Amino acid sequence: MKKHLTALSAGLLVASAAFSQETDIVSVGIDARVDFQHESIDGHTDNSNSGFEGKYLMLRVDGEIIPGLTYSWRQRFNKATFDSNFFDSTDWLYLDYAIDRWHFQAGKEIVMIGGYEYDRNPKDLYSCSVFLNNIPCYDMGVSAGFDVTSNDRLSFQVTQSPFFTRENRNMYSYNLMWSGHHGIYESLFSANMIEYAKGRYINYIALGNKFSFDKFVLELDYMNRAASGQAFFFKDCTVMGELAYNPTDRWRVHVKGTYDRNASHTDKDYTVYAGTSLKMVGGGVEFYPLLHRRHTLRLHANLYYAWGHNTNTADVMQDKSLFVSAGLTWHFNAFSLKHK
């Protein structure tokens, strides 16, 4: 805890040093989520995953150093570290430089994999696909993005592989992403070549689709995974669908379903193991008793059920799994400074 507080103080001092710059200088926000949850498998309570739990405690700092040069930092204080490295609990910490229609970014970044389930802030997720439960989402890297139109951006990124090991950090992921926004339709498409072992790659094609109709939002994701020796389409894939209804700004109701399948008969997919065929359905409700520019308080309740077969016995989602949760999420905009 002392290390975290020291790093937090140092980060705020660094942000304070930027106060003399022009335009928006710094914005600091805190998010916390606490749940009461019950999980069972085939009617038997999983005591290790039931009860009260602090799900997330996150700090986010954003600002502009000089016109066009911005920074963003999100630190998760309840995230386990890989090898006692403070950066392991850092979701991202990067600089972004925008010039004309180009964006250049370097630091720890979100690995550019398409799909709206993957893109969601973790504090807004209540139950996920097997793929998302097992993919590391953040790594060191560099990226460049080009605004093809005012509504379309094409980005290329090179990061450390999400599957690097202590013994070999010299592994990489090459990611190409298109993000678009056209009326009621939005997209997050990617093609990824990810090194899962030295010199060996698994390829992703991720197609994220989002449709917004007045008070309804529909998200549909399809991801295909393939490596050398695997049938390329539909053997190793994940499908996700979520329909949300927002009758007012204070209420959100959603239903969601996922399907993870790996019939490749190989060990090249580290996220969804060979032999897995697992479905999950469920939904929930969110209510905001407090909606303010600087503070929000959200209450939520959810229920999900999964069935099928998951060959990864360590994964939280197994056959006949029931997940019930209720809790609250609090957002606090600690402070912000703007040039006057």
Protein backbone atom coordinates (compact mmCIF):
# COMPACT_ATOMS: atom_id res chain seq x y z
CA MET A 1 0.00 0.00 0.00
CA LYS A 2 2.87 2.39 0.81
CA LYS A 3 4.33 1.74 -2.64
CA HIS A 4 0.95 2.48 -4.24
CA LEU A 5 0.54 5.71 -2.26
CA THR A 6 4.06 6.81 -3.11
CA ALA A 7 3.48 6.14 -6.81
CA LEU A 8 0.12 7.91 -6.66
CA SER A 9 1.70 10.98 -5.05
CA ALA A 10 4.48 11.00 -7.62
CA GLY A 11 1.94 10.75 -10.44
CA LEU A 12 -0.06 13.68 -9.09
CA LEU A 13 3.11 15.74 -8.75
CA VAL A 14 3.96 14.99 -12.37
CA ALA A 15 0.46 16.06 -13.38
CA SER A 16 0.81 19.21 -11.26
CA ALA A 17 4.01 20.10 -13.10
CA ALA A 18 1.93 20.44 -16.25
CA PHE A 19 -0.35 23.09 -14.74
CA SER A 20 1.59 25.91 -16.36
CA GLN A 21 0.68 24.65 -19.83
CA GLU A 22 -2.13 26.10 -21.88
CA THR A 23 -5.64 24.75 -22.50
CA ASP A 24 -6.97 21.74 -20.53
CA ILE A 25 -4.21 20.70 -18.17
CA VAL A 26 -5.34 17.81 -15.97
CA SER A 27 -8.44 15.87 -14.97
CA VAL A 28 -8.37 13.30 -12.16
CA GLY A 29 -11.15 10.77 -11.57
CA ILE A 30 -11.69 7.79 -9.28
CA ASP A 31 -13.96 4.77 -9.85
CA ALA A 32 -14.88 2.15 -7.25
CA ARG A 33 -17.22 -0.83 -7.47
CA VAL A 34 -18.30 -3.19 -4.68
CA ASP A 35 -20.53 -6.25 -5.22
CA PHE A 36 -22.32 -8.89 -3.23
CA GLN A 37 -22.23 -12.00 -5.40
CA HIS A 38 -23.31 -15.61 -5.36
CA GLU A 39 -21.81 -18.21 -7.67
CA SER A 40 -22.74 -21.87 -7.92
CA ILE A 41 -21.89 -24.80 -10.17
CA ASP A 42 -24.58 -27.46 -10.66
CA GLY A 43 -26.37 -26.19 -7.55
CA HIS A 44 -23.28 -26.21 -5.32
CA THR A 45 -22.18 -22.83 -3.97
CA ASP A 46 -18.67 -21.73 -4.86
CA ASN A 47 -17.66 -20.20 -1.55
CA SER A 48 -14.42 -18.81 -2.94
CA ASN A 49 -16.37 -16.58 -5.35
CA SER A 50 -19.40 -15.76 -3.18
CA GLY A 51 -19.92 -12.96 -0.67
CA PHE A 52 -18.90 -9.32 -0.63
CA GLU A 53 -16.05 -8.33 -2.93
CA GLY A 54 -14.30 -5.12 -3.88
CA LYS A 55 -14.34 -5.50 -7.67
CA TYR A 56 -12.57 -2.34 -8.87
CA LEU A 57 -10.68 0.66 -7.55
CA MET A 58 -9.30 2.75 -10.40
CA LEU A 59 -7.61 6.11 -10.77
CA ARG A 60 -7.62 7.93 -14.09
CA VAL A 61 -5.58 11.03 -14.98
CA ASP A 62 -5.88 12.79 -18.36
CA GLY A 63 -4.56 16.06 -19.67
CA GLU A 64 -2.82 18.08 -22.37
CA ILE A 65 0.85 19.02 -22.14
CA ILE A 66 0.98 21.23 -25.22
CA PRO A 67 -1.59 21.59 -28.02
CA GLY A 68 -1.80 18.21 -29.74
CA LEU A 69 0.22 16.32 -27.10
CA THR A 70 -1.96 14.60 -24.51
CA TYR A 71 -1.46 11.95 -21.86
CA SER A 72 -3.71 9.37 -20.21
CA TRP A 73 -3.10 7.13 -17.20
CA ARG A 74 -5.39 4.56 -15.58
CA GLN A 75 -4.18 2.66 -12.52
CA ARG A 76 -6.08 -0.27 -11.02
CA PHE A 77 -5.19 -0.63 -7.34
CA ASN A 78 -6.79 -4.03 -6.74
CA LYS A 79 -5.19 -5.77 -9.74
CA ALA A 80 -2.60 -8.48 -9.10
CA THR A 81 0.94 -7.89 -10.34
CA PHE A 82 2.74 -10.39 -12.55
CA ASP A 83 6.24 -10.13 -11.04
CA SER A 84 5.94 -7.33 -8.45
CA ASN A 85 6.07 -4.76 -11.25
CA PHE A 86 3.93 -1.67 -10.58
CA PHE A 87 3.18 -1.42 -14.31
CA ASP A 88 1.32 -4.74 -14.15
CA SER A 89 -1.57 -3.02 -12.37
CA THR A 90 -1.39 -0.07 -14.78
CA ASP A 91 -4.08 -0.51 -17.42
CA TRP A 92 -2.58 2.19 -19.58
CA LEU A 93 -0.09 5.04 -19.44
CA TYR A 94 0.67 6.67 -22.77
CA LEU A 95 1.35 9.87 -24.69
CA ASP A 96 -0.70 10.71 -27.78
CA TYR A 97 0.38 13.23 -30.37
CA ALA A 98 -2.17 14.44 -32.93
CA ILE A 99 -1.15 16.32 -36.06
CA ASP A 100 -3.51 16.93 -38.96
CA ARG A 101 -5.27 13.58 -39.51
CA TRP A 102 -2.62 11.49 -37.75
CA HIS A 103 -2.38 10.20 -34.17
CA PHE A 104 0.82 8.72 -32.75
CA GLN A 105 0.78 6.93 -29.41
CA ALA A 106 3.42 5.25 -27.23
CA GLY A 107 3.46 3.68 -23.77
CA LYS A 108 1.29 1.03 -22.19
CA GLU A 109 -1.84 0.81 -24.33
CA ILE A 110 -5.04 -1.14 -24.84
CA VAL A 111 -4.19 -3.95 -27.25
CA MET A 112 -6.25 -3.17 -30.36
CA ILE A 113 -8.59 -6.15 -30.60
CA GLY A 114 -12.03 -5.50 -32.05
CA GLY A 115 -15.40 -6.12 -30.45
CA TYR A 116 -17.60 -4.16 -28.06
CA GLU A 117 -17.44 -6.61 -25.16
CA TYR A 118 -13.65 -6.27 -25.27
CA ASP A 119 -13.91 -2.47 -25.58
CA ARG A 120 -16.15 -2.02 -22.52
CA ASN A 121 -14.76 -0.52 -19.31
CA PRO A 122 -14.32 -3.50 -16.92
CA LYS A 123 -16.39 -1.78 -14.22
CA ASP A 124 -19.35 -1.97 -16.64
CA LEU A 125 -19.04 -5.74 -17.22
CA TYR A 126 -20.88 -8.24 -15.02
CA SER A 127 -20.30 -11.53 -16.84
CA CYS A 128 -18.11 -12.14 -19.88
CA SER A 129 -17.27 -14.64 -22.58
CA VAL A 130 -14.59 -17.24 -21.92
CA PHE A 131 -12.35 -15.34 -24.34
CA LEU A 132 -12.59 -12.06 -22.46
CA ASN A 133 -12.07 -13.78 -19.11
CA ASN A 134 -8.69 -15.02 -20.34
CA ILE A 135 -7.19 -12.36 -22.65
CA PRO A 136 -4.76 -9.78 -21.19
CA CYS A 137 -6.00 -6.47 -22.62
CA TYR A 138 -3.10 -4.05 -21.94
CA ASP A 139 0.55 -4.09 -23.01
CA MET A 140 3.51 -1.88 -23.84
CA GLY A 141 3.64 -0.72 -27.44
CA VAL A 142 3.39 1.96 -30.10
CA SER A 143 0.60 2.79 -32.54
CA ALA A 144 -0.32 5.13 -35.35
CA GLY A 145 -3.82 6.10 -36.44
CA PHE A 146 -5.04 7.90 -39.55
CA ASP A 147 -8.45 9.54 -39.86
CA VAL A 148 -9.54 8.32 -43.28
CA THR A 149 -12.72 10.39 -42.88
CA SER A 150 -14.17 12.38 -40.01
CA ASN A 151 -16.00 9.19 -38.98
CA ASP A 152 -13.40 6.50 -39.74
CA ARG A 153 -10.00 5.81 -38.24
CA LEU A 154 -7.53 3.15 -39.38
CA SER A 155 -4.88 2.24 -36.79
CA PHE A 156 -1.81 0.02 -36.73
CA GLN A 157 -0.21 -1.09 -33.49
CA VAL A 158 2.74 -3.16 -32.30
CA THR A 159 2.69 -4.28 -28.67
CA GLN A 160 4.26 -6.86 -26.46
CA SER A 161 2.37 -10.11 -26.92
CA PRO A 162 -0.42 -10.66 -24.36
CA PHE A 163 1.05 -14.16 -23.98
CA PHE A 164 4.63 -13.21 -23.09
CA THR A 165 6.22 -15.11 -20.21
CA ARG A 166 8.75 -14.30 -17.50
CA GLU A 167 11.28 -16.31 -19.47
CA ASN A 168 10.56 -14.58 -22.79
CA ARG A 169 9.29 -11.02 -22.99
CA ASN A 170 10.60 -10.72 -26.56
CA MET A 171 7.23 -11.64 -28.12
CA TYR A 172 4.93 -9.29 -30.04
CA SER A 173 1.42 -8.62 -31.32
CA TYR A 174 0.68 -6.85 -34.62
CA ASN A 175 -2.76 -5.26 -34.74
CA LEU A 176 -4.74 -3.49 -37.47
CA MET A 177 -8.04 -1.84 -36.46
CA TRP A 178 -10.83 0.08 -38.16
CA SER A 179 -13.22 2.11 -35.99
CA GLY A 180 -16.15 3.78 -37.67
CA HIS A 181 -19.28 5.77 -36.81
CA HIS A 182 -22.00 6.19 -39.44
CA GLY A 183 -25.40 7.24 -38.19
CA ILE A 184 -26.96 4.45 -36.16
CA TYR A 185 -24.04 2.11 -36.93
CA GLU A 186 -20.63 1.90 -35.27
CA SER A 187 -17.84 -0.62 -35.84
CA LEU A 188 -14.73 -1.96 -34.14
CA PHE A 189 -13.05 -4.37 -36.59
CA SER A 190 -9.55 -5.77 -36.20
CA ALA A 191 -7.09 -8.21 -37.73
CA ASN A 192 -4.44 -9.41 -35.28
CA MET A 193 -1.33 -11.54 -35.52
CA ILE A 194 -0.32 -12.50 -31.96
CA GLU A 195 2.78 -14.43 -30.99
CA TYR A 196 1.69 -17.19 -28.57
CA ALA A 197 5.11 -18.92 -28.55
CA LYS A 198 8.45 -17.77 -29.92
CA GLY A 199 8.05 -17.47 -33.70
CA ARG A 200 4.51 -18.90 -33.65
CA TYR A 201 1.39 -16.82 -34.22
CA ILE A 202 -2.35 -17.10 -33.79
CA ASN A 203 -4.54 -14.84 -35.94
CA TYR A 204 -7.70 -13.05 -34.84
CA ILE A 205 -10.40 -11.53 -36.99
CA ALA A 206 -12.71 -9.55 -34.68
CA LEU A 207 -15.88 -7.90 -35.98
CA GLY A 208 -17.60 -5.60 -33.51
CA ASN A 209 -20.94 -4.08 -34.58
CA LYS A 210 -23.07 -1.59 -32.67
CA PHE A 211 -26.53 -0.26 -33.60
CA SER A 212 -28.22 2.59 -31.73
CA PHE A 213 -31.99 3.06 -32.13
CA ASP A 214 -33.41 5.82 -29.94
CA LYS A 215 -33.49 4.15 -26.49
CA PHE A 216 -32.15 0.77 -27.65
CA VAL A 217 -28.54 -0.25 -28.26
CA LEU A 218 -27.61 -3.57 -29.88
CA GLU A 219 -24.04 -4.90 -29.86
CA LEU A 220 -23.01 -7.93 -31.92
CA ASP A 221 -19.47 -9.33 -31.88
CA TYR A 222 -17.92 -12.17 -33.81
CA MET A 223 -14.31 -13.27 -33.35
CA ASN A 224 -12.50 -15.97 -35.27
CA ARG A 225 -9.16 -17.41 -34.10
CA ALA A 226 -6.81 -19.57 -36.17
CA ALA A 227 -3.19 -20.68 -36.26
CA SER A 228 -1.13 -22.89 -38.53
CA GLY A 229 -2.76 -26.28 -38.93
CA GLN A 230 -6.24 -25.12 -37.84
CA ALA A 231 -9.32 -24.78 -40.01
CA PHE A 232 -9.55 -21.04 -40.41
CA PHE A 233 -13.24 -20.22 -39.98
CA PHE A 234 -15.83 -21.18 -37.34
CA LYS A 235 -13.79 -23.91 -35.61
CA ASP A 236 -12.35 -21.60 -32.94
CA CYS A 237 -14.59 -18.58 -32.34
CA THR A 238 -16.55 -16.42 -29.90
CA VAL A 239 -19.95 -14.80 -30.47
CA MET A 240 -21.44 -12.09 -28.24
CA GLY A 241 -24.76 -10.26 -28.39
CA GLU A 242 -26.17 -7.65 -26.01
CA LEU A 243 -29.38 -5.63 -26.22
CA ALA A 244 -29.78 -2.67 -23.85
CA TYR A 245 -32.82 -0.47 -23.21
CA ASN A 246 -32.43 2.99 -21.67
CA PRO A 247 -35.92 4.35 -20.84
CA THR A 248 -34.33 7.37 -19.10
CA ASP A 249 -30.82 8.59 -18.27
CA ARG A 250 -31.13 6.93 -14.86
CA TRP A 251 -32.15 3.42 -15.98
CA ARG A 252 -30.53 0.76 -18.15
CA VAL A 253 -31.82 -2.79 -18.68
CA HIS A 254 -29.89 -5.35 -20.72
CA VAL A 255 -29.89 -8.96 -21.87
CA LYS A 256 -26.71 -10.66 -23.05
CA GLY A 257 -25.56 -13.95 -24.53
CA THR A 258 -22.16 -15.40 -25.44
CA TYR A 259 -20.94 -18.59 -27.13
CA ASP A 260 -17.33 -19.79 -27.01
CA ARG A 261 -16.25 -22.73 -29.17
CA ASN A 262 -12.94 -24.37 -29.95
CA ALA A 263 -13.11 -27.50 -32.10
CA SER A 264 -9.60 -27.08 -33.50
CA HIS A 265 -8.06 -30.05 -31.61
CA THR A 266 -4.86 -28.03 -31.05
CA ASP A 267 -3.31 -26.26 -28.05
CA LYS A 268 -2.59 -22.99 -29.88
CA ASP A 269 -5.43 -20.92 -28.41
CA TYR A 270 -4.53 -19.85 -24.87
CA THR A 271 -7.88 -18.12 -24.23
CA VAL A 272 -10.50 -20.72 -25.23
CA TYR A 273 -9.08 -24.22 -24.86
CA ALA A 274 -9.63 -26.95 -27.43
CA GLY A 275 -12.76 -28.97 -26.71
CA THR A 276 -14.65 -26.02 -25.22
CA SER A 277 -18.27 -25.38 -26.22
CA LEU A 278 -19.89 -23.09 -23.66
CA LYS A 279 -22.95 -20.82 -23.83
CA MET A 280 -23.95 -18.07 -21.40
CA VAL A 281 -27.17 -16.01 -21.17
CA GLY A 282 -28.41 -13.47 -18.68
CA GLY A 283 -29.15 -9.86 -18.00
CA GLY A 284 -29.50 -7.15 -15.45
CA VAL A 285 -30.59 -3.67 -14.49
CA GLU A 286 -28.73 -0.48 -13.57
CA PHE A 287 -30.12 2.55 -11.74
CA TYR A 288 -28.41 5.90 -11.13
CA PRO A 289 -29.81 7.55 -7.96
CA LEU A 290 -27.13 10.23 -8.34
CA LEU A 291 -26.21 11.80 -11.66
CA HIS A 292 -23.94 14.80 -11.41
CA ARG A 293 -21.20 16.32 -13.51
CA ARG A 294 -18.60 15.45 -10.85
CA HIS A 295 -20.21 12.48 -9.08
CA THR A 296 -22.29 9.50 -10.14
CA LEU A 297 -23.65 6.60 -8.09
CA ARG A 298 -24.94 3.47 -9.83
CA LEU A 299 -26.79 0.49 -8.36
CA HIS A 300 -26.89 -2.78 -10.29
CA ALA A 301 -28.32 -6.30 -10.11
CA ASN A 302 -27.57 -9.14 -12.55
CA LEU A 303 -28.15 -12.84 -13.15
CA TYR A 304 -26.32 -15.06 -15.66
CA TYR A 305 -26.29 -18.79 -16.39
CA ALA A 306 -23.74 -20.83 -18.38
CA TRP A 307 -23.92 -24.38 -19.71
CA GLY A 308 -21.87 -26.66 -21.94
CA HIS A 309 -18.25 -27.71 -21.57
CA ASN A 310 -15.15 -25.70 -20.68
CA THR A 311 -11.89 -27.64 -20.81
CA ASN A 312 -10.15 -24.89 -18.83
CA THR A 313 -11.10 -26.08 -15.35
CA ALA A 314 -9.49 -23.00 -13.77
CA ASP A 315 -11.88 -20.65 -15.59
CA VAL A 316 -14.67 -19.08 -13.54
CA MET A 317 -17.37 -20.10 -16.05
CA GLN A 318 -18.16 -23.83 -16.21
CA ASP A 319 -21.10 -26.07 -17.07
CA LYS A 320 -24.28 -25.25 -15.08
CA SER A 321 -22.73 -22.10 -13.59
CA LEU A 322 -25.06 -19.53 -12.00
CA PHE A 323 -23.88 -15.97 -11.30
CA VAL A 324 -25.98 -13.56 -9.24
CA SER A 325 -24.69 -10.14 -8.20
CA ALA A 326 -25.84 -6.83 -6.78
CA GLY A 327 -23.74 -3.83 -5.94
CA LEU A 328 -22.85 -0.21 -6.42
CA THR A 329 -20.38 1.74 -8.52
CA TRP A 330 -19.19 5.23 -7.59
CA HIS A 331 -17.46 7.72 -9.88
CA PHE A 332 -15.80 10.82 -8.43
CA ASN A 333 -14.18 13.55 -10.51
CA ALA A 334 -11.58 14.53 -7.91
CA PHE A 335 -10.46 17.71 -9.63
CA SER A 336 -9.67 19.28 -12.95
CA LEU A 337 -7.70 22.36 -13.99
CA LYS A 338 -8.25 24.37 -17.13
CA HIS A 339 -6.35 27.33 -18.50
CA LYS A 340 -8.26 30.53 -17.84
